[in-house]
Amino acid sequence: MLLLDEPMAGMNVEEKQDMCRFILDVNDQFGTTIVLIEHDMGVVMDISDRVVVLDYGKKIGDGVPDEVKNNEDVIKAYLGAGH
C-alpha cells in the first residue's frame, strides 16, 4: 500500500502530469493499492478508480469519479455551485 498526502502541492501543470504518470505506473507495474489525499479535484478525478470525499471529517461522497463528480454535496463543498 502506498499512502500519498498532497503529492501535487506546489507543483506546476507539467510536474503534476509527471506525478500522475508515476502514480499510475506504480499501480500498473506492482498492483499497488494507492491511497491519495489530494485537493486538486482534477487530478483526483483523472487518476482514481474510486473516490471518497470528506468534508470536515464527514464522508459526503463515495464511488467512481463520475458518481462523485455529480454528487450535490461534493459539488457544494469542493467543485463550486456553478460547476
Protein backbone atom coordinates (compact mmCIF):
# COMPACT_ATOMS: atom_id res chain seq x y z
CA MET A 1 0.00 0.00 0.00
CA LEU A 2 1.26 3.46 -0.92
CA LEU A 3 -0.07 6.41 1.08
CA LEU A 4 0.31 9.83 -0.55
CA ASP A 5 -0.64 13.04 1.25
CA GLU A 6 -0.92 16.04 -1.10
CA PRO A 7 1.80 14.90 -3.53
CA MET A 8 0.78 17.62 -6.04
CA ALA A 9 1.20 20.53 -3.58
CA GLY A 10 3.25 23.33 -5.07
CA MET A 11 3.62 21.66 -8.47
CA ASN A 12 3.04 23.26 -11.84
CA VAL A 13 0.89 21.58 -14.51
CA GLU A 14 3.79 19.67 -16.11
CA GLU A 15 5.03 18.38 -12.76
CA LYS A 16 1.50 17.27 -11.85
CA GLN A 17 1.24 15.36 -15.13
CA ASP A 18 4.57 13.65 -14.44
CA MET A 19 3.50 12.73 -10.91
CA CYS A 20 0.18 11.34 -12.19
CA ARG A 21 2.02 9.16 -14.70
CA PHE A 22 4.35 7.96 -11.95
CA ILE A 23 1.45 7.07 -9.64
CA LEU A 24 -0.38 5.21 -12.42
CA ASP A 25 2.82 3.40 -13.43
CA VAL A 26 3.41 2.22 -9.85
CA ASN A 27 -0.14 0.91 -9.74
CA ASP A 28 0.16 -0.83 -13.12
CA GLN A 29 3.62 -2.26 -12.54
CA PHE A 30 3.24 -3.52 -8.99
CA GLY A 31 -0.53 -3.71 -8.48
CA THR A 32 -0.07 -1.43 -5.50
CA THR A 33 -3.11 -0.09 -3.72
CA ILE A 34 -2.71 3.67 -3.53
CA VAL A 35 -4.43 5.98 -1.07
CA LEU A 36 -4.20 9.53 -2.35
CA ILE A 37 -5.14 12.55 -0.25
CA GLU A 38 -5.36 15.45 -2.66
CA HIS A 39 -7.25 18.72 -3.02
CA ASP A 40 -6.69 19.05 -6.78
CA MET A 41 -10.03 17.56 -7.82
CA GLY A 42 -8.98 17.38 -11.48
CA VAL A 43 -6.08 15.12 -10.58
CA VAL A 44 -8.23 13.03 -8.26
CA MET A 45 -10.94 12.50 -10.86
CA ASP A 46 -8.44 11.74 -13.64
CA ILE A 47 -6.40 9.04 -11.93
CA SER A 48 -8.74 7.42 -9.40
CA ASP A 49 -10.80 4.25 -9.69
CA ARG A 50 -12.74 5.14 -6.56
CA VAL A 51 -13.12 8.45 -4.77
CA VAL A 52 -14.13 9.10 -1.17
CA VAL A 53 -14.80 12.74 -0.29
CA LEU A 54 -14.67 14.09 3.25
CA ASP A 55 -15.95 17.46 4.38
CA TYR A 56 -14.82 18.37 7.89
CA GLY A 57 -14.31 14.67 8.66
CA LYS A 58 -17.74 13.60 7.41
CA LYS A 59 -17.99 11.37 4.35
CA ILE A 60 -20.11 13.16 1.76
CA GLY A 61 -19.28 11.17 -1.35
CA ASP A 62 -18.11 7.69 -2.28
CA GLY A 63 -17.96 5.93 -5.63
CA VAL A 64 -16.46 6.06 -9.09
CA PRO A 65 -15.30 9.53 -10.21
CA ASP A 66 -18.38 10.24 -12.36
CA GLU A 67 -20.73 9.44 -9.47
CA VAL A 68 -18.80 11.61 -7.05
CA LYS A 69 -18.43 14.43 -9.59
CA ASN A 70 -22.22 14.60 -9.85
CA ASN A 71 -22.91 14.34 -6.11
CA GLU A 72 -24.65 17.55 -4.96
CA ASP A 73 -22.87 17.60 -1.58
CA VAL A 74 -19.45 17.27 -3.26
CA ILE A 75 -20.30 19.99 -5.76
CA LYS A 76 -21.28 22.38 -2.98
CA ALA A 77 -18.23 21.57 -0.82
CA TYR A 78 -15.44 21.32 -3.39
CA LEU A 79 -16.40 21.94 -7.00
CA GLY A 80 -18.46 25.09 -6.56
CA ALA A 81 -22.13 25.68 -7.17
CA GLY A 82 -21.54 26.87 -10.75
CA HIS A 83 -19.74 23.69 -11.83
